Amino acid sequence: MIEICHDPDRLQEIVRLRHFCWSQNSSDSSIANKVDWQDCLDRDPSAVHWVILDGPRIVASARLNILDDKSQLPYPDVFNAIDVPCKSFAFYSRLVVDPDYRSRGYSLALDKIRLQYMIDNRINFALATARGWRLGKLRNIGFKVVAPVNSGVDPRWDLGNASIITIRKKDIVL
């Protein structure tokens, strides 16, 4: 059901899915055209992209990167105030599910597989951002809200009301 996407040519399909999903969300549709849905971490060697397929079509995707420094993040200034308590950490990002495939547990499945990847690779800390309903879902699996996103520090990051969240390996609920 869930697989790692090893084909770099399919990355554009993932990017199109990201844009489509955000443009279909009525409360967030204006964001769809403000954001570059492909960033420096997509082709980074540390990137792992998981996908859920319906036949050959990607209907959900999520990304995880293992990084050594906050300067590697696409919007590092947004995370300036956050302490990273270890050398390597995960950046948990870019989860989307096609609107026609929502309410099937795909988000939770992609969340859990990324957390299991962290455990398997001895990564003790992850950093992410989340908004709205996702905050509750991520809290249920161990994430904690640590700060609001100050989008004014980086004009490229304008996703509205969001929070910076973190998780430590010891807090993961699978």
C-alpha atoms as a PDB file:
ATOM      1  CA  MET A   1       0.000   0.000   0.000  1.00  0.00           C
ATOM      2  CA  ILE A   2       2.668   2.537   1.028  1.00  0.00           C
ATOM      3  CA  GLU A   3       5.965   2.534  -0.793  1.00  0.00           C
ATOM      4  CA  ILE A   4       9.065   4.650  -1.035  1.00  0.00           C
ATOM      5  CA  CYS A   5       9.224   6.501  -4.331  1.00  0.00           C
ATOM      6  CA  HIS A   6      12.673   5.886  -5.764  1.00  0.00           C
ATOM      7  CA  ASP A   7      11.890   7.300  -9.216  1.00  0.00           C
ATOM      8  CA  PRO A   8      13.083  10.933  -9.423  1.00  0.00           C
ATOM      9  CA  ASP A   9      10.922  11.415 -12.515  1.00  0.00           C
ATOM     10  CA  ARG A  10       7.802  10.943 -10.361  1.00  0.00           C
ATOM     11  CA  LEU A  11       8.740  13.897  -8.165  1.00  0.00           C
ATOM     12  CA  GLN A  12       6.881  16.274 -10.496  1.00  0.00           C
ATOM     13  CA  GLU A  13       3.757  14.162 -10.030  1.00  0.00           C
ATOM     14  CA  ILE A  14       4.161  14.550  -6.256  1.00  0.00           C
ATOM     15  CA  VAL A  15       4.618  18.326  -6.655  1.00  0.00           C
ATOM     16  CA  ARG A  16       1.449  18.541  -8.789  1.00  0.00           C
ATOM     17  CA  LEU A  17      -0.442  16.546  -6.147  1.00  0.00           C
ATOM     18  CA  ARG A  18       0.712  18.971  -3.427  1.00  0.00           C
ATOM     19  CA  HIS A  19      -0.557  21.967  -5.399  1.00  0.00           C
ATOM     20  CA  PHE A  20      -3.824  20.228  -6.304  1.00  0.00           C
ATOM     21  CA  CYS A  21      -4.563  19.204  -2.706  1.00  0.00           C
ATOM     22  CA  TRP A  22      -4.004  22.690  -1.330  1.00  0.00           C
ATOM     23  CA  SER A  23      -6.019  24.304  -4.143  1.00  0.00           C
ATOM     24  CA  GLN A  24      -8.978  22.010  -3.354  1.00  0.00           C
ATOM     25  CA  ASN A  25      -9.065  22.953   0.334  1.00  0.00           C
ATOM     26  CA  SER A  26     -11.612  25.778   0.454  1.00  0.00           C
ATOM     27  CA  SER A  27     -10.165  27.365   3.585  1.00  0.00           C
ATOM     28  CA  ASP A  28      -6.605  27.262   2.211  1.00  0.00           C
ATOM     29  CA  SER A  29      -7.075  27.544  -1.556  1.00  0.00           C
ATOM     30  CA  SER A  30      -5.394  30.958  -1.769  1.00  0.00           C
ATOM     31  CA  ILE A  31      -2.210  29.410  -0.373  1.00  0.00           C
ATOM     32  CA  ALA A  32      -1.930  27.020  -3.309  1.00  0.00           C
ATOM     33  CA  ASN A  33      -0.554  29.713  -5.602  1.00  0.00           C
ATOM     34  CA  LYS A  34       1.637  31.440  -2.982  1.00  0.00           C
ATOM     35  CA  VAL A  35       3.934  28.529  -2.218  1.00  0.00           C
ATOM     36  CA  ASP A  36       6.616  26.802  -4.237  1.00  0.00           C
ATOM     37  CA  TRP A  37       5.510  23.193  -3.823  1.00  0.00           C
ATOM     38  CA  GLN A  38       8.981  21.922  -4.660  1.00  0.00           C
ATOM     39  CA  ASP A  39      11.850  23.022  -2.456  1.00  0.00           C
ATOM     40  CA  CYS A  40      15.529  22.338  -1.874  1.00  0.00           C
ATOM     41  CA  LEU A  41      14.794  19.241   0.215  1.00  0.00           C
ATOM     42  CA  ASP A  42      12.868  17.358  -2.477  1.00  0.00           C
ATOM     43  CA  ARG A  43      15.995  16.313  -4.366  1.00  0.00           C
ATOM     44  CA  ASP A  44      18.294  16.341  -1.349  1.00  0.00           C
ATOM     45  CA  PRO A  45      20.043  12.969  -0.850  1.00  0.00           C
ATOM     46  CA  SER A  46      18.453  12.768   2.600  1.00  0.00           C
ATOM     47  CA  ALA A  47      14.902  12.926   1.216  1.00  0.00           C
ATOM     48  CA  VAL A  48      12.620   9.942   1.517  1.00  0.00           C
ATOM     49  CA  HIS A  49       9.291  10.287  -0.292  1.00  0.00           C
ATOM     50  CA  TRP A  50       6.539   7.834   0.571  1.00  0.00           C
ATOM     51  CA  VAL A  51       3.581   7.453  -1.757  1.00  0.00           C
ATOM     52  CA  ILE A  52       0.259   5.661  -1.789  1.00  0.00           C
ATOM     53  CA  LEU A  53      -0.819   4.525  -5.229  1.00  0.00           C
ATOM     54  CA  ASP A  54      -4.160   3.792  -6.840  1.00  0.00           C
ATOM     55  CA  GLY A  55      -2.955   1.795  -9.794  1.00  0.00           C
ATOM     56  CA  PRO A  56      -0.137   3.865 -11.254  1.00  0.00           C
ATOM     57  CA  ARG A  57      -1.479   7.157  -9.856  1.00  0.00           C
ATOM     58  CA  ILE A  58      -0.027   8.760  -6.708  1.00  0.00           C
ATOM     59  CA  VAL A  59      -2.955   9.667  -4.430  1.00  0.00           C
ATOM     60  CA  ALA A  60      -1.016  10.550  -1.262  1.00  0.00           C
ATOM     61  CA  SER A  61       2.555  11.421  -0.405  1.00  0.00           C
ATOM     62  CA  ALA A  62       4.764  12.518   2.463  1.00  0.00           C
ATOM     63  CA  ARG A  63       8.428  13.401   2.898  1.00  0.00           C
ATOM     64  CA  LEU A  64      11.052  13.044   5.606  1.00  0.00           C
ATOM     65  CA  ASN A  65      14.598  14.398   5.543  1.00  0.00           C
ATOM     66  CA  ILE A  66      17.418  13.642   7.949  1.00  0.00           C
ATOM     67  CA  LEU A  67      19.379  16.871   8.436  1.00  0.00           C
ATOM     68  CA  ASP A  68      22.428  17.966  10.405  1.00  0.00           C
ATOM     69  CA  ASP A  69      21.712  21.670  10.732  1.00  0.00           C
ATOM     70  CA  LYS A  70      18.689  23.996  10.695  1.00  0.00           C
ATOM     71  CA  SER A  71      20.372  25.969   7.898  1.00  0.00           C
ATOM     72  CA  GLN A  72      19.477  23.060   5.590  1.00  0.00           C
ATOM     73  CA  LEU A  73      15.762  23.717   6.048  1.00  0.00           C
ATOM     74  CA  PRO A  74      13.895  25.418   3.190  1.00  0.00           C
ATOM     75  CA  TYR A  75      12.904  28.316   5.484  1.00  0.00           C
ATOM     76  CA  PRO A  76      15.570  28.224   8.214  1.00  0.00           C
ATOM     77  CA  ASP A  77      14.742  31.628   9.719  1.00  0.00           C
ATOM     78  CA  VAL A  78      11.259  30.378  10.640  1.00  0.00           C
ATOM     79  CA  PHE A  79      12.929  27.893  13.021  1.00  0.00           C
ATOM     80  CA  ASN A  80      15.582  30.191  14.563  1.00  0.00           C
ATOM     81  CA  ALA A  81      14.098  30.125  18.047  1.00  0.00           C
ATOM     82  CA  ILE A  82      13.864  26.320  18.190  1.00  0.00           C
ATOM     83  CA  ASP A  83      16.592  24.300  19.883  1.00  0.00           C
ATOM     84  CA  VAL A  84      17.533  21.075  18.168  1.00  0.00           C
ATOM     85  CA  PRO A  85      18.888  18.846  20.954  1.00  0.00           C
ATOM     86  CA  CYS A  86      20.973  16.502  18.794  1.00  0.00           C
ATOM     87  CA  LYS A  87      23.293  16.524  15.792  1.00  0.00           C
ATOM     88  CA  SER A  88      20.987  14.787  13.293  1.00  0.00           C
ATOM     89  CA  PHE A  89      17.258  15.405  13.232  1.00  0.00           C
ATOM     90  CA  ALA A  90      14.311  14.668  10.984  1.00  0.00           C
ATOM     91  CA  PHE A  91      12.319  17.285   9.121  1.00  0.00           C
ATOM     92  CA  TYR A  92       8.797  15.951   8.773  1.00  0.00           C
ATOM     93  CA  SER A  93       6.975  17.608   5.877  1.00  0.00           C
ATOM     94  CA  ARG A  94       4.829  17.707   2.755  1.00  0.00           C
ATOM     95  CA  LEU A  95       2.015  15.300   3.597  1.00  0.00           C
ATOM     96  CA  VAL A  96      -0.875  15.506   1.126  1.00  0.00           C
ATOM     97  CA  VAL A  97      -3.819  13.251   0.299  1.00  0.00           C
ATOM     98  CA  ASP A  98      -5.963  13.659  -2.792  1.00  0.00           C
ATOM     99  CA  PRO A  99      -9.408  14.914  -1.649  1.00  0.00           C
ATOM    100  CA  ASP A 100     -11.119  11.886  -3.233  1.00  0.00           C
ATOM    101  CA  TYR A 101      -9.007   9.582  -1.035  1.00  0.00           C
ATOM    102  CA  ARG A 102      -9.355  11.312   2.319  1.00  0.00           C
ATOM    103  CA  SER A 103     -10.916   9.686   5.416  1.00  0.00           C
ATOM    104  CA  ARG A 104      -9.252   6.357   4.618  1.00  0.00           C
ATOM    105  CA  GLY A 105      -6.484   6.600   7.208  1.00  0.00           C
ATOM    106  CA  TYR A 106      -3.788   7.533   4.683  1.00  0.00           C
ATOM    107  CA  SER A 107      -2.494  10.522   6.673  1.00  0.00           C
ATOM    108  CA  LEU A 108      -2.074   8.459   9.829  1.00  0.00           C
ATOM    109  CA  ALA A 109      -0.441   5.628   7.873  1.00  0.00           C
ATOM    110  CA  LEU A 110       2.065   8.068   6.324  1.00  0.00           C
ATOM    111  CA  ASP A 111       2.686   9.644   9.732  1.00  0.00           C
ATOM    112  CA  LYS A 112       3.383   6.284  11.340  1.00  0.00           C
ATOM    113  CA  ILE A 113       5.692   5.045   8.594  1.00  0.00           C
ATOM    114  CA  ARG A 114       7.778   8.205   8.892  1.00  0.00           C
ATOM    115  CA  LEU A 115       8.001   7.838  12.661  1.00  0.00           C
ATOM    116  CA  GLN A 116       8.990   4.189  12.270  1.00  0.00           C
ATOM    117  CA  TYR A 117      11.699   5.281   9.820  1.00  0.00           C
ATOM    118  CA  MET A 118      13.010   7.664  12.485  1.00  0.00           C
ATOM    119  CA  ILE A 119      13.113   4.861  15.047  1.00  0.00           C
ATOM    120  CA  ASP A 120      14.755   2.424  12.627  1.00  0.00           C
ATOM    121  CA  ASN A 121      17.422   5.004  11.754  1.00  0.00           C
ATOM    122  CA  ARG A 122      18.075   6.038  15.370  1.00  0.00           C
ATOM    123  CA  ILE A 123      16.878   9.597  14.865  1.00  0.00           C
ATOM    124  CA  ASN A 124      15.775  10.963  18.224  1.00  0.00           C
ATOM    125  CA  PHE A 125      14.118  14.245  17.245  1.00  0.00           C
ATOM    126  CA  ALA A 126      11.905  15.665  14.507  1.00  0.00           C
ATOM    127  CA  LEU A 127      10.839  19.171  13.614  1.00  0.00           C
ATOM    128  CA  ALA A 128       7.771  20.142  11.568  1.00  0.00           C
ATOM    129  CA  THR A 129       5.027  22.699  11.077  1.00  0.00           C
ATOM    130  CA  ALA A 130       1.300  22.052  11.190  1.00  0.00           C
ATOM    131  CA  ARG A 131      -1.972  23.905  11.004  1.00  0.00           C
ATOM    132  CA  GLY A 132      -5.552  23.415  12.071  1.00  0.00           C
ATOM    133  CA  TRP A 133      -6.898  19.890  12.273  1.00  0.00           C
ATOM    134  CA  ARG A 134      -3.453  18.353  11.698  1.00  0.00           C
ATOM    135  CA  LEU A 135      -2.240  19.637  15.069  1.00  0.00           C
ATOM    136  CA  GLY A 136      -4.658  17.388  16.948  1.00  0.00           C
ATOM    137  CA  LYS A 137      -3.775  14.361  14.844  1.00  0.00           C
ATOM    138  CA  LEU A 138      -0.053  14.924  15.341  1.00  0.00           C
ATOM    139  CA  ARG A 139      -0.450  15.476  19.087  1.00  0.00           C
ATOM    140  CA  ASN A 140      -2.124  12.057  19.250  1.00  0.00           C
ATOM    141  CA  ILE A 141       1.082  10.405  18.000  1.00  0.00           C
ATOM    142  CA  GLY A 142       3.401  12.359  20.277  1.00  0.00           C
ATOM    143  CA  PHE A 143       4.146  15.735  18.688  1.00  0.00           C
ATOM    144  CA  LYS A 144       4.188  18.831  20.894  1.00  0.00           C
ATOM    145  CA  VAL A 145       3.518  22.426  19.867  1.00  0.00           C
ATOM    146  CA  VAL A 146       6.559  24.528  20.763  1.00  0.00           C
ATOM    147  CA  ALA A 147       5.914  27.893  19.092  1.00  0.00           C
ATOM    148  CA  PRO A 148       3.746  29.702  16.577  1.00  0.00           C
ATOM    149  CA  VAL A 149       5.298  30.193  13.162  1.00  0.00           C
ATOM    150  CA  ASN A 150       6.454  33.769  12.723  1.00  0.00           C
ATOM    151  CA  SER A 151       5.985  33.962   8.964  1.00  0.00           C
ATOM    152  CA  GLY A 152       7.236  37.553   8.936  1.00  0.00           C
ATOM    153  CA  VAL A 153      10.841  36.357   9.221  1.00  0.00           C
ATOM    154  CA  ASP A 154      10.759  34.743   5.764  1.00  0.00           C
ATOM    155  CA  PRO A 155       8.397  36.087   3.087  1.00  0.00           C
ATOM    156  CA  ARG A 156       8.608  32.783   1.165  1.00  0.00           C
ATOM    157  CA  TRP A 157       6.823  31.049   4.059  1.00  0.00           C
ATOM    158  CA  ASP A 158       3.317  32.442   4.105  1.00  0.00           C
ATOM    159  CA  LEU A 159       0.981  29.641   5.084  1.00  0.00           C
ATOM    160  CA  GLY A 160      -1.028  31.616   7.559  1.00  0.00           C
ATOM    161  CA  ASN A 161      -1.707  30.427  11.085  1.00  0.00           C
ATOM    162  CA  ALA A 162       0.686  27.534  11.732  1.00  0.00           C
ATOM    163  CA  SER A 163       2.658  26.095  14.621  1.00  0.00           C
ATOM    164  CA  ILE A 164       6.135  24.656  14.928  1.00  0.00           C
ATOM    165  CA  ILE A 165       5.934  21.174  16.387  1.00  0.00           C
ATOM    166  CA  THR A 166       8.538  18.690  17.577  1.00  0.00           C
ATOM    167  CA  ILE A 167       8.687  15.088  18.657  1.00  0.00           C
ATOM    168  CA  ARG A 168      11.285  13.116  20.555  1.00  0.00           C
ATOM    169  CA  LYS A 169      11.697   9.409  19.948  1.00  0.00           C
ATOM    170  CA  LYS A 170      10.667   8.618  23.537  1.00  0.00           C
ATOM    171  CA  ASP A 171       7.282  10.355  22.927  1.00  0.00           C
ATOM    172  CA  ILE A 172       6.337   8.525  19.705  1.00  0.00           C
ATOM    173  CA  VAL A 173       3.002   6.691  19.835  1.00  0.00           C
ATOM    174  CA  LEU A 174       2.670   4.122  17.049  1.00  0.00           C
END
